[in-house]
Amino acid sequence: MPLTFVPGDFAITPPVLSDVATRICAATVAVVAEQGLRATSVDDIAVAAGCGRATVYRAFPGGRAELLLTVLDREVAGILELGTIAVRSCGGFAEAVTAAIHTAATALADHAALQKLLATEPGTVLPFISFDGLDPLLALAAEWGRAEFARFTTGDDAEIAGEWAARVLLGHVRSPGAVLDVTDEAAVMRLVESFLLPGLSTEPRTSTITTSS
């Protein structure tokens, strides 16, 4: 039976899972990358994870929806973690926002499961990145921005920058290269300097402090 799920809320920190559940999530990503979502069954995932169907349901009592939403939470949190690592090595605000967008865009471009779905089943992705479906991701990005950009600017502007970065990134996911190739770091920097920084309410600070991941 095909797997189906609906958009939900996200968290910066992914759920803590058992080793078995983690393996099942990794297997889900691998199977979807190979054959898409509609053709993927719980049985397919169980085989790829090296366990039985019953084990999948013990790990995810909510069934298919819970499994896929958990996978999505983990993948989103993984992208944010990459952005955090990139931002914390930056000394300036424009550099940090650019690094966040460029790093996330590169990771998404290399994400085999996402690219498979965008190419063959875009309807399984678009609910998360279009219209009202954007709201949970934008709220998460604003929260992340407040935490990661705060050393460069005020909390409100840090949130604005986080949400703005997410809008730019998700626009690229919906229509890659339509306006700007956000995997081009120099192009992203020009965008940040031209459109984000002039709209902020405070002058960004330069930070010389970096934090190891």
N, C-alpha and C. Protein backbone atom coordinates (compact mmCIF):
# COMPACT_ATOMS: atom_id res chain seq x y z
N MET A 1 0.86 -1.20 0.00
CA MET A 1 0.00 0.00 0.00
C MET A 1 0.88 1.23 0.00
N PRO A 2 0.57 2.27 -0.80
CA PRO A 2 1.41 3.45 -0.85
C PRO A 2 1.46 4.18 0.48
N LEU A 3 2.57 4.86 0.71
CA LEU A 3 2.71 5.68 1.89
C LEU A 3 2.13 7.06 1.62
N THR A 4 1.37 7.59 2.56
CA THR A 4 0.85 8.94 2.42
C THR A 4 1.08 9.69 3.71
N PHE A 5 1.18 11.02 3.62
CA PHE A 5 1.36 11.82 4.81
C PHE A 5 0.96 13.24 4.51
N VAL A 6 0.78 14.04 5.56
CA VAL A 6 0.39 15.44 5.39
C VAL A 6 1.38 16.31 6.13
N PRO A 7 1.54 17.59 5.71
CA PRO A 7 2.47 18.48 6.37
C PRO A 7 2.14 18.67 7.85
N GLY A 8 3.17 18.91 8.64
CA GLY A 8 2.98 19.18 10.05
C GLY A 8 3.98 20.21 10.52
N ASP A 9 4.12 20.36 11.82
CA ASP A 9 5.09 21.30 12.38
C ASP A 9 6.47 20.65 12.41
N PHE A 10 7.48 21.52 12.56
CA PHE A 10 8.86 21.04 12.57
C PHE A 10 9.56 21.56 13.81
N ALA A 11 10.70 20.95 14.14
CA ALA A 11 11.50 21.38 15.28
C ALA A 11 12.95 21.47 14.85
N ILE A 12 13.69 22.41 15.46
CA ILE A 12 15.10 22.56 15.13
C ILE A 12 15.87 21.30 15.49
N THR A 13 15.53 20.73 16.64
CA THR A 13 16.20 19.51 17.09
C THR A 13 15.37 18.30 16.69
N PRO A 14 15.96 17.35 15.99
CA PRO A 14 15.19 16.18 15.56
C PRO A 14 14.84 15.29 16.74
N PRO A 15 13.82 14.47 16.61
CA PRO A 15 13.45 13.56 17.70
C PRO A 15 14.57 12.57 17.99
N VAL A 16 14.70 12.22 19.25
CA VAL A 16 15.68 11.22 19.64
C VAL A 16 15.06 9.84 19.41
N LEU A 17 15.74 9.03 18.61
CA LEU A 17 15.19 7.73 18.23
C LEU A 17 16.10 6.60 18.68
N SER A 18 15.53 5.43 18.75
CA SER A 18 16.32 4.23 19.02
C SER A 18 17.17 3.92 17.79
N ASP A 19 18.13 3.03 17.96
CA ASP A 19 18.97 2.63 16.83
C ASP A 19 18.14 2.02 15.71
N VAL A 20 17.15 1.22 16.10
CA VAL A 20 16.29 0.57 15.09
C VAL A 20 15.49 1.62 14.33
N ALA A 21 14.89 2.56 15.05
CA ALA A 21 14.10 3.60 14.40
C ALA A 21 14.96 4.47 13.49
N THR A 22 16.18 4.75 13.93
CA THR A 22 17.10 5.53 13.10
C THR A 22 17.43 4.78 11.82
N ARG A 23 17.65 3.48 11.94
CA ARG A 23 17.94 2.67 10.75
C ARG A 23 16.74 2.64 9.80
N ILE A 24 15.55 2.57 10.35
CA ILE A 24 14.35 2.57 9.52
C ILE A 24 14.20 3.90 8.78
N CYS A 25 14.49 4.99 9.47
CA CYS A 25 14.42 6.31 8.82
C CYS A 25 15.42 6.41 7.67
N ALA A 26 16.64 5.95 7.91
CA ALA A 26 17.66 5.99 6.86
C ALA A 26 17.24 5.12 5.68
N ALA A 27 16.65 3.97 5.98
CA ALA A 27 16.19 3.08 4.91
C ALA A 27 15.07 3.73 4.11
N THR A 28 14.20 4.45 4.78
CA THR A 28 13.11 5.14 4.09
C THR A 28 13.65 6.13 3.07
N VAL A 29 14.62 6.93 3.49
CA VAL A 29 15.22 7.91 2.58
C VAL A 29 15.85 7.21 1.38
N ALA A 30 16.55 6.12 1.63
CA ALA A 30 17.22 5.40 0.55
C ALA A 30 16.22 4.80 -0.44
N VAL A 31 15.15 4.22 0.08
CA VAL A 31 14.16 3.59 -0.80
C VAL A 31 13.42 4.65 -1.62
N VAL A 32 13.05 5.74 -0.98
CA VAL A 32 12.36 6.81 -1.71
C VAL A 32 13.26 7.39 -2.79
N ALA A 33 14.54 7.52 -2.50
CA ALA A 33 15.48 8.03 -3.51
C ALA A 33 15.55 7.10 -4.71
N GLU A 34 15.35 5.83 -4.48
CA GLU A 34 15.44 4.84 -5.56
C GLU A 34 14.16 4.73 -6.37
N GLN A 35 13.01 4.70 -5.69
CA GLN A 35 11.77 4.38 -6.40
C GLN A 35 10.63 5.36 -6.18
N GLY A 36 10.89 6.45 -5.49
CA GLY A 36 9.84 7.42 -5.24
C GLY A 36 8.99 7.04 -4.05
N LEU A 37 8.00 7.89 -3.77
CA LEU A 37 7.17 7.68 -2.58
C LEU A 37 5.98 6.77 -2.84
N ARG A 38 5.29 7.00 -3.94
CA ARG A 38 4.06 6.22 -4.19
C ARG A 38 4.33 4.74 -4.34
N ALA A 39 5.49 4.40 -4.89
CA ALA A 39 5.82 2.98 -5.10
C ALA A 39 6.43 2.33 -3.88
N THR A 40 6.63 3.11 -2.83
CA THR A 40 7.31 2.60 -1.63
C THR A 40 6.29 2.14 -0.59
N SER A 41 6.44 0.92 -0.14
CA SER A 41 5.56 0.38 0.90
C SER A 41 6.34 0.19 2.19
N VAL A 42 5.62 -0.03 3.26
CA VAL A 42 6.28 -0.35 4.53
C VAL A 42 7.11 -1.61 4.39
N ASP A 43 6.63 -2.56 3.62
CA ASP A 43 7.40 -3.78 3.38
C ASP A 43 8.74 -3.46 2.72
N ASP A 44 8.74 -2.57 1.73
CA ASP A 44 9.99 -2.17 1.07
C ASP A 44 10.97 -1.58 2.08
N ILE A 45 10.45 -0.73 2.94
CA ILE A 45 11.29 -0.07 3.94
C ILE A 45 11.83 -1.10 4.94
N ALA A 46 10.98 -2.02 5.35
CA ALA A 46 11.42 -3.05 6.30
C ALA A 46 12.56 -3.88 5.72
N VAL A 47 12.42 -4.27 4.45
CA VAL A 47 13.48 -5.05 3.80
C VAL A 47 14.77 -4.25 3.75
N ALA A 48 14.69 -2.98 3.37
CA ALA A 48 15.88 -2.14 3.27
C ALA A 48 16.53 -1.92 4.64
N ALA A 49 15.70 -1.89 5.69
CA ALA A 49 16.21 -1.68 7.04
C ALA A 49 16.69 -2.97 7.69
N GLY A 50 16.42 -4.10 7.05
CA GLY A 50 16.83 -5.38 7.62
C GLY A 50 16.01 -5.80 8.81
N CYS A 51 14.71 -5.48 8.77
CA CYS A 51 13.83 -5.85 9.88
C CYS A 51 12.49 -6.28 9.31
N GLY A 52 11.59 -6.67 10.19
CA GLY A 52 10.26 -7.08 9.76
C GLY A 52 9.28 -5.92 9.77
N ARG A 53 8.18 -6.10 9.07
CA ARG A 53 7.13 -5.09 9.03
C ARG A 53 6.65 -4.74 10.43
N ALA A 54 6.53 -5.76 11.29
CA ALA A 54 6.06 -5.52 12.65
C ALA A 54 7.01 -4.62 13.42
N THR A 55 8.31 -4.76 13.14
CA THR A 55 9.30 -3.92 13.82
C THR A 55 9.11 -2.46 13.44
N VAL A 56 8.80 -2.21 12.17
CA VAL A 56 8.54 -0.84 11.73
C VAL A 56 7.38 -0.25 12.51
N TYR A 57 6.32 -1.02 12.68
CA TYR A 57 5.15 -0.52 13.39
C TYR A 57 5.38 -0.41 14.90
N ARG A 58 6.27 -1.23 15.43
CA ARG A 58 6.62 -1.05 16.85
C ARG A 58 7.42 0.23 17.04
N ALA A 59 8.30 0.52 16.10
CA ALA A 59 9.11 1.74 16.20
C ALA A 59 8.28 2.99 15.95
N PHE A 60 7.27 2.86 15.10
CA PHE A 60 6.42 4.00 14.74
C PHE A 60 4.96 3.59 14.87
N PRO A 61 4.43 3.63 16.10
CA PRO A 61 3.06 3.16 16.35
C PRO A 61 2.00 3.89 15.54
N GLY A 62 2.33 5.11 15.12
CA GLY A 62 1.39 5.87 14.30
C GLY A 62 1.36 5.45 12.85
N GLY A 63 2.15 4.44 12.53
CA GLY A 63 2.12 3.90 11.18
C GLY A 63 2.85 4.74 10.16
N ARG A 64 2.36 4.69 8.94
CA ARG A 64 3.04 5.31 7.81
C ARG A 64 3.22 6.81 8.00
N ALA A 65 2.16 7.46 8.45
CA ALA A 65 2.24 8.92 8.59
C ALA A 65 3.31 9.30 9.60
N GLU A 66 3.35 8.60 10.73
CA GLU A 66 4.34 8.93 11.75
C GLU A 66 5.76 8.70 11.23
N LEU A 67 5.97 7.61 10.53
CA LEU A 67 7.29 7.32 9.99
C LEU A 67 7.75 8.42 9.04
N LEU A 68 6.91 8.79 8.09
CA LEU A 68 7.31 9.78 7.10
C LEU A 68 7.50 11.16 7.71
N LEU A 69 6.66 11.52 8.65
CA LEU A 69 6.83 12.81 9.31
C LEU A 69 8.10 12.84 10.15
N THR A 70 8.44 11.72 10.76
CA THR A 70 9.69 11.64 11.52
C THR A 70 10.88 11.77 10.59
N VAL A 71 10.82 11.10 9.46
CA VAL A 71 11.89 11.22 8.46
C VAL A 71 12.03 12.66 8.01
N LEU A 72 10.91 13.30 7.74
CA LEU A 72 10.95 14.69 7.29
C LEU A 72 11.54 15.59 8.37
N ASP A 73 11.13 15.40 9.62
CA ASP A 73 11.70 16.18 10.73
C ASP A 73 13.21 16.02 10.78
N ARG A 74 13.68 14.80 10.63
CA ARG A 74 15.12 14.53 10.71
C ARG A 74 15.87 15.18 9.54
N GLU A 75 15.29 15.12 8.36
CA GLU A 75 15.96 15.70 7.19
C GLU A 75 16.01 17.22 7.30
N VAL A 76 14.92 17.84 7.73
CA VAL A 76 14.91 19.30 7.91
C VAL A 76 15.91 19.71 8.98
N ALA A 77 15.93 19.00 10.10
CA ALA A 77 16.88 19.31 11.17
C ALA A 77 18.32 19.13 10.69
N GLY A 78 18.55 18.15 9.83
CA GLY A 78 19.89 17.94 9.30
C GLY A 78 20.35 19.10 8.45
N ILE A 79 19.44 19.67 7.64
CA ILE A 79 19.78 20.85 6.84
C ILE A 79 20.09 22.03 7.75
N LEU A 80 19.29 22.22 8.79
CA LEU A 80 19.54 23.31 9.73
C LEU A 80 20.89 23.14 10.43
N GLU A 81 21.23 21.92 10.76
CA GLU A 81 22.52 21.68 11.41
C GLU A 81 23.67 22.07 10.49
N LEU A 82 23.56 21.75 9.21
CA LEU A 82 24.59 22.16 8.25
C LEU A 82 24.68 23.68 8.17
N GLY A 83 23.51 24.34 8.18
CA GLY A 83 23.50 25.80 8.17
C GLY A 83 24.14 26.38 9.40
N THR A 84 23.87 25.79 10.54
CA THR A 84 24.47 26.25 11.80
C THR A 84 25.98 26.17 11.76
N ILE A 85 26.49 25.05 11.29
CA ILE A 85 27.94 24.88 11.18
C ILE A 85 28.54 25.94 10.28
N ALA A 86 27.88 26.21 9.15
CA ALA A 86 28.39 27.20 8.20
C ALA A 86 28.36 28.60 8.80
N VAL A 87 27.26 28.96 9.45
CA VAL A 87 27.09 30.30 10.00
C VAL A 87 28.07 30.59 11.12
N ARG A 88 28.34 29.61 11.95
CA ARG A 88 29.19 29.85 13.12
C ARG A 88 30.65 30.05 12.78
N SER A 89 31.02 29.84 11.52
CA SER A 89 32.39 30.14 11.11
C SER A 89 32.49 31.49 10.41
N CYS A 90 31.39 32.24 10.38
CA CYS A 90 31.35 33.52 9.66
C CYS A 90 31.59 34.70 10.61
N GLY A 91 32.19 35.76 10.08
CA GLY A 91 32.47 36.94 10.89
C GLY A 91 31.57 38.12 10.60
N GLY A 92 30.74 38.03 9.56
CA GLY A 92 29.85 39.13 9.20
C GLY A 92 28.46 38.63 8.89
N PHE A 93 27.48 39.54 9.00
CA PHE A 93 26.08 39.16 8.84
C PHE A 93 25.77 38.71 7.41
N ALA A 94 26.17 39.51 6.42
CA ALA A 94 25.91 39.14 5.03
C ALA A 94 26.57 37.80 4.70
N GLU A 95 27.77 37.62 5.20
CA GLU A 95 28.48 36.36 4.98
C GLU A 95 27.72 35.20 5.60
N ALA A 96 27.17 35.43 6.80
CA ALA A 96 26.47 34.36 7.51
C ALA A 96 25.18 33.96 6.80
N VAL A 97 24.39 34.96 6.38
CA VAL A 97 23.14 34.65 5.68
C VAL A 97 23.44 33.96 4.35
N THR A 98 24.46 34.46 3.67
CA THR A 98 24.87 33.83 2.41
C THR A 98 25.28 32.39 2.63
N ALA A 99 26.07 32.15 3.66
CA ALA A 99 26.54 30.79 3.95
C ALA A 99 25.38 29.87 4.26
N ALA A 100 24.40 30.37 5.01
CA ALA A 100 23.24 29.55 5.37
C ALA A 100 22.47 29.13 4.12
N ILE A 101 22.18 30.10 3.25
CA ILE A 101 21.41 29.80 2.04
C ILE A 101 22.20 28.88 1.11
N HIS A 102 23.45 29.22 0.87
CA HIS A 102 24.27 28.45 -0.06
C HIS A 102 24.47 27.02 0.42
N THR A 103 24.75 26.86 1.71
CA THR A 103 24.97 25.53 2.27
C THR A 103 23.71 24.67 2.18
N ALA A 104 22.57 25.26 2.55
CA ALA A 104 21.32 24.52 2.48
C ALA A 104 20.95 24.18 1.04
N ALA A 105 21.15 25.12 0.13
CA ALA A 105 20.82 24.88 -1.27
C ALA A 105 21.66 23.77 -1.86
N THR A 106 22.94 23.76 -1.52
CA THR A 106 23.83 22.72 -2.02
C THR A 106 23.42 21.35 -1.47
N ALA A 107 23.08 21.31 -0.18
CA ALA A 107 22.66 20.05 0.43
C ALA A 107 21.37 19.53 -0.20
N LEU A 108 20.43 20.42 -0.46
CA LEU A 108 19.16 20.01 -1.07
C LEU A 108 19.36 19.55 -2.51
N ALA A 109 20.27 20.21 -3.21
CA ALA A 109 20.55 19.80 -4.59
C ALA A 109 21.15 18.41 -4.64
N ASP A 110 21.87 18.04 -3.58
CA ASP A 110 22.51 16.73 -3.51
C ASP A 110 21.65 15.68 -2.81
N HIS A 111 20.45 16.06 -2.37
CA HIS A 111 19.58 15.14 -1.62
C HIS A 111 18.82 14.26 -2.61
N ALA A 112 19.25 13.02 -2.72
CA ALA A 112 18.72 12.14 -3.77
C ALA A 112 17.22 11.92 -3.65
N ALA A 113 16.72 11.73 -2.43
CA ALA A 113 15.29 11.48 -2.27
C ALA A 113 14.46 12.70 -2.65
N LEU A 114 14.89 13.87 -2.20
CA LEU A 114 14.17 15.09 -2.55
C LEU A 114 14.16 15.31 -4.06
N GLN A 115 15.30 15.15 -4.69
CA GLN A 115 15.38 15.37 -6.13
C GLN A 115 14.54 14.35 -6.90
N LYS A 116 14.48 13.13 -6.41
CA LYS A 116 13.63 12.12 -7.03
C LYS A 116 12.17 12.55 -6.99
N LEU A 117 11.74 13.04 -5.83
CA LEU A 117 10.35 13.45 -5.69
C LEU A 117 10.04 14.69 -6.51
N LEU A 118 10.95 15.65 -6.54
CA LEU A 118 10.72 16.85 -7.33
C LEU A 118 10.60 16.51 -8.82
N ALA A 119 11.36 15.51 -9.25
CA ALA A 119 11.36 15.14 -10.66
C ALA A 119 10.16 14.29 -11.06
N THR A 120 9.72 13.41 -10.16
CA THR A 120 8.70 12.44 -10.54
C THR A 120 7.38 12.56 -9.78
N GLU A 121 7.41 13.13 -8.57
CA GLU A 121 6.20 13.25 -7.76
C GLU A 121 6.18 14.59 -7.04
N PRO A 122 6.21 15.69 -7.78
CA PRO A 122 6.28 17.00 -7.12
C PRO A 122 5.13 17.27 -6.17
N GLY A 123 3.99 16.63 -6.41
CA GLY A 123 2.85 16.83 -5.53
C GLY A 123 3.07 16.34 -4.11
N THR A 124 4.07 15.50 -3.89
CA THR A 124 4.36 15.05 -2.53
C THR A 124 5.23 16.05 -1.78
N VAL A 125 5.85 16.99 -2.50
CA VAL A 125 6.73 17.98 -1.88
C VAL A 125 6.06 19.34 -1.79
N LEU A 126 5.35 19.73 -2.83
CA LEU A 126 4.80 21.08 -2.91
C LEU A 126 3.92 21.49 -1.73
N PRO A 127 3.15 20.57 -1.11
CA PRO A 127 2.34 21.00 0.04
C PRO A 127 3.17 21.57 1.18
N PHE A 128 4.45 21.21 1.26
CA PHE A 128 5.31 21.68 2.34
C PHE A 128 5.94 23.03 2.03
N ILE A 129 6.00 23.41 0.76
CA ILE A 129 6.78 24.59 0.38
C ILE A 129 5.97 25.60 -0.43
N SER A 130 4.64 25.50 -0.36
CA SER A 130 3.79 26.41 -1.10
C SER A 130 2.64 26.89 -0.22
N PHE A 131 2.23 28.14 -0.42
CA PHE A 131 1.06 28.72 0.22
C PHE A 131 1.10 28.51 1.74
N ASP A 132 -0.01 28.06 2.33
CA ASP A 132 -0.06 27.90 3.78
C ASP A 132 0.89 26.82 4.28
N GLY A 133 1.25 25.89 3.39
CA GLY A 133 2.18 24.85 3.79
C GLY A 133 3.55 25.38 4.15
N LEU A 134 3.85 26.60 3.70
CA LEU A 134 5.13 27.23 4.04
C LEU A 134 5.24 27.60 5.51
N ASP A 135 4.11 27.86 6.14
CA ASP A 135 4.13 28.49 7.46
C ASP A 135 4.98 27.75 8.50
N PRO A 136 4.86 26.42 8.63
CA PRO A 136 5.69 25.75 9.63
C PRO A 136 7.19 25.89 9.36
N LEU A 137 7.59 25.81 8.09
CA LEU A 137 9.01 25.95 7.77
C LEU A 137 9.49 27.38 7.99
N LEU A 138 8.66 28.36 7.65
CA LEU A 138 9.05 29.76 7.86
C LEU A 138 9.17 30.07 9.35
N ALA A 139 8.25 29.54 10.15
CA ALA A 139 8.33 29.75 11.60
C ALA A 139 9.60 29.11 12.16
N LEU A 140 9.92 27.93 11.67
CA LEU A 140 11.14 27.26 12.12
C LEU A 140 12.37 28.05 11.71
N ALA A 141 12.38 28.56 10.48
CA ALA A 141 13.53 29.34 10.00
C ALA A 141 13.70 30.62 10.80
N ALA A 142 12.60 31.26 11.17
CA ALA A 142 12.68 32.47 11.98
C ALA A 142 13.26 32.16 13.36
N GLU A 143 12.81 31.07 13.95
CA GLU A 143 13.34 30.65 15.25
C GLU A 143 14.83 30.35 15.15
N TRP A 144 15.22 29.63 14.09
CA TRP A 144 16.63 29.31 13.88
C TRP A 144 17.43 30.59 13.66
N GLY A 145 16.89 31.53 12.87
CA GLY A 145 17.59 32.78 12.62
C GLY A 145 17.82 33.58 13.89
N ARG A 146 16.82 33.61 14.77
CA ARG A 146 16.99 34.34 16.04
C ARG A 146 18.16 33.77 16.83
N ALA A 147 18.33 32.47 16.80
CA ALA A 147 19.42 31.83 17.54
C ALA A 147 20.77 32.03 16.87
N GLU A 148 20.82 31.90 15.55
CA GLU A 148 22.11 31.87 14.86
C GLU A 148 22.60 33.22 14.35
N PHE A 149 21.69 34.17 14.11
CA PHE A 149 22.09 35.48 13.60
C PHE A 149 22.12 36.54 14.68
N ALA A 150 21.79 36.18 15.93
CA ALA A 150 21.66 37.16 17.01
C ALA A 150 22.97 37.89 17.30
N ARG A 151 24.11 37.27 17.05
CA ARG A 151 25.38 37.95 17.35
C ARG A 151 25.70 39.03 16.33
N PHE A 152 24.90 39.11 15.25
CA PHE A 152 25.13 40.13 14.23
C PHE A 152 24.12 41.27 14.27
N THR A 153 22.94 41.02 14.87
CA THR A 153 21.87 42.01 14.79
C THR A 153 20.87 41.77 15.91
N THR A 154 19.79 42.55 15.93
CA THR A 154 18.77 42.38 16.96
C THR A 154 17.98 41.10 16.74
N GLY A 155 17.27 40.70 17.78
CA GLY A 155 16.49 39.47 17.67
C GLY A 155 15.46 39.52 16.57
N ASP A 156 14.74 40.66 16.44
CA ASP A 156 13.71 40.76 15.40
C ASP A 156 14.32 40.67 14.01
N ASP A 157 15.42 41.38 13.79
CA ASP A 157 16.07 41.33 12.48
C ASP A 157 16.67 39.96 12.22
N ALA A 158 17.13 39.30 13.27
CA ALA A 158 17.67 37.94 13.11
C ALA A 158 16.56 37.00 12.65
N GLU A 159 15.37 37.16 13.22
CA GLU A 159 14.23 36.34 12.79
C GLU A 159 13.85 36.65 11.34
N ILE A 160 13.82 37.94 11.01
CA ILE A 160 13.50 38.34 9.64
C ILE A 160 14.48 37.71 8.66
N ALA A 161 15.76 37.75 9.02
CA ALA A 161 16.79 37.18 8.14
C ALA A 161 16.61 35.67 7.98
N GLY A 162 16.27 34.99 9.07
CA GLY A 162 16.05 33.55 8.98
C GLY A 162 14.88 33.22 8.07
N GLU A 163 13.78 33.95 8.22
CA GLU A 163 12.61 33.70 7.37
C GLU A 163 12.90 34.07 5.92
N TRP A 164 13.58 35.19 5.72
CA TRP A 164 13.93 35.63 4.36
C TRP A 164 14.80 34.58 3.67
N ALA A 165 15.77 34.07 4.39
CA ALA A 165 16.65 33.04 3.82
C ALA A 165 15.84 31.81 3.41
N ALA A 166 14.88 31.43 4.25
CA ALA A 166 14.05 30.26 3.92
C ALA A 166 13.20 30.52 2.69
N ARG A 167 12.66 31.72 2.57
CA ARG A 167 11.84 32.05 1.39
C ARG A 167 12.67 31.97 0.11
N VAL A 168 13.89 32.51 0.16
CA VAL A 168 14.77 32.45 -1.00
C VAL A 168 15.07 30.99 -1.35
N LEU A 169 15.41 30.22 -0.32
CA LEU A 169 15.78 28.82 -0.54
C LEU A 169 14.61 28.01 -1.09
N LEU A 170 13.44 28.16 -0.50
CA LEU A 170 12.29 27.37 -0.93
C LEU A 170 11.79 27.80 -2.30
N GLY A 171 11.95 29.08 -2.62
CA GLY A 171 11.63 29.52 -3.97
C GLY A 171 12.50 28.82 -5.00
N HIS A 172 13.77 28.61 -4.63
CA HIS A 172 14.68 27.90 -5.51
C HIS A 172 14.28 26.43 -5.64
N VAL A 173 13.85 25.83 -4.55
CA VAL A 173 13.42 24.42 -4.60
C VAL A 173 12.21 24.27 -5.52
N ARG A 174 11.27 25.22 -5.43
CA ARG A 174 10.08 25.15 -6.29
C ARG A 174 10.44 25.35 -7.76
N SER A 175 11.34 26.30 -8.02
CA SER A 175 11.70 26.63 -9.41
C SER A 175 13.20 26.85 -9.50
N PRO A 176 13.98 25.79 -9.55
CA PRO A 176 15.45 25.92 -9.54
C PRO A 176 15.96 26.81 -10.67
N GLY A 177 16.74 27.83 -10.29
CA GLY A 177 17.38 28.69 -11.28
C GLY A 177 16.46 29.63 -12.00
N ALA A 178 15.16 29.69 -11.61
CA ALA A 178 14.22 30.54 -12.33
C ALA A 178 14.61 32.01 -12.24
N VAL A 179 15.04 32.45 -11.08
CA VAL A 179 15.47 33.83 -10.88
C VAL A 179 16.94 33.89 -10.51
N LEU A 180 17.35 33.01 -9.64
CA LEU A 180 18.72 33.03 -9.12
C LEU A 180 19.14 31.61 -8.77
N ASP A 181 20.36 31.28 -9.09
CA ASP A 181 20.92 29.98 -8.70
C ASP A 181 21.53 30.14 -7.31
N VAL A 182 20.83 29.65 -6.29
CA VAL A 182 21.31 29.86 -4.93
C VAL A 182 22.42 28.88 -4.55
N THR A 183 22.82 28.02 -5.49
CA THR A 183 24.04 27.25 -5.26
C THR A 183 25.27 28.05 -5.71
N ASP A 184 25.05 29.24 -6.27
CA ASP A 184 26.13 30.16 -6.66
C ASP A 184 26.34 31.14 -5.50
N GLU A 185 27.38 30.94 -4.74
CA GLU A 185 27.59 31.71 -3.51
C GLU A 185 27.72 33.20 -3.77
N ALA A 186 28.43 33.58 -4.83
CA ALA A 186 28.61 35.00 -5.13
C ALA A 186 27.27 35.65 -5.47
N ALA A 187 26.42 34.94 -6.20
CA ALA A 187 25.10 35.47 -6.55
C ALA A 187 24.23 35.63 -5.31
N VAL A 188 24.33 34.70 -4.38
CA VAL A 188 23.57 34.81 -3.14
C VAL A 188 24.04 36.00 -2.32
N MET A 189 25.34 36.22 -2.25
CA MET A 189 25.88 37.37 -1.51
C MET A 189 25.34 38.68 -2.10
N ARG A 190 25.30 38.79 -3.41
CA ARG A 190 24.77 40.01 -4.03
C ARG A 190 23.30 40.20 -3.68
N LEU A 191 22.56 39.11 -3.64
CA LEU A 191 21.14 39.18 -3.28
C LEU A 191 20.97 39.66 -1.85
N VAL A 192 21.75 39.10 -0.95
CA VAL A 192 21.68 39.48 0.47
C VAL A 192 22.01 40.96 0.65
N GLU A 193 23.07 41.40 0.02
CA GLU A 193 23.50 42.80 0.17
C GLU A 193 22.52 43.77 -0.48
N SER A 194 21.86 43.35 -1.54
CA SER A 194 20.96 44.25 -2.27
C SER A 194 19.55 44.30 -1.70
N PHE A 195 19.07 43.18 -1.17
CA PHE A 195 17.66 43.10 -0.80
C PHE A 195 17.39 42.86 0.69
N LEU A 196 18.28 42.16 1.39
CA LEU A 196 18.03 41.91 2.81
C LEU A 196 18.55 43.03 3.68
N LEU A 197 19.84 43.33 3.57
CA LEU A 197 20.46 44.29 4.49
C LEU A 197 19.79 45.66 4.47
N PRO A 198 19.42 46.21 3.30
CA PRO A 198 18.78 47.54 3.32
C PRO A 198 17.44 47.56 4.04
N GLY A 199 16.80 46.43 4.20
CA GLY A 199 15.50 46.38 4.83
C GLY A 199 15.52 46.16 6.33
N LEU A 200 16.71 46.00 6.91
CA LEU A 200 16.81 45.75 8.34
C LEU A 200 16.69 47.04 9.13
N SER A 201 16.20 46.93 10.35
CA SER A 201 15.97 48.13 11.17
C SER A 201 17.22 48.59 11.90
N THR A 202 18.23 47.74 12.00
CA THR A 202 19.47 48.11 12.69
C THR A 202 20.66 47.77 11.81
N GLU A 203 21.75 48.47 12.04
CA GLU A 203 22.98 48.20 11.30
C GLU A 203 23.59 46.89 11.81
N PRO A 204 23.84 45.92 10.95
CA PRO A 204 24.43 44.66 11.40
C PRO A 204 25.80 44.87 12.03
N ARG A 205 26.09 44.05 13.02
CA ARG A 205 27.39 44.09 13.68
C ARG A 205 28.32 43.08 13.02
N THR A 206 29.60 43.32 13.16
CA THR A 206 30.60 42.34 12.74
C THR A 206 30.98 41.52 13.96
N SER A 207 31.03 40.22 13.81
CA SER A 207 31.40 39.34 14.91
C SER A 207 32.72 38.67 14.61
N THR A 208 33.57 38.64 15.59
CA THR A 208 34.85 37.93 15.44
C THR A 208 34.84 36.64 16.23
N ILE A 209 33.68 36.33 16.83
CA ILE A 209 33.57 35.14 17.65
C ILE A 209 32.99 34.01 16.82
N THR A 210 33.63 32.89 16.82
CA THR A 210 33.10 31.70 16.15
C THR A 210 32.91 30.62 17.18
N THR A 211 31.95 29.77 16.92
CA THR A 211 31.63 28.68 17.85
C THR A 211 31.78 27.37 17.13
N SER A 212 32.49 26.44 17.72
CA SER A 212 32.62 25.12 17.10
C SER A 212 31.30 24.41 17.19
N SER A 213 31.05 23.53 16.19
CA SER A 213 29.78 22.79 16.17
C SER A 213 29.83 21.64 17.15
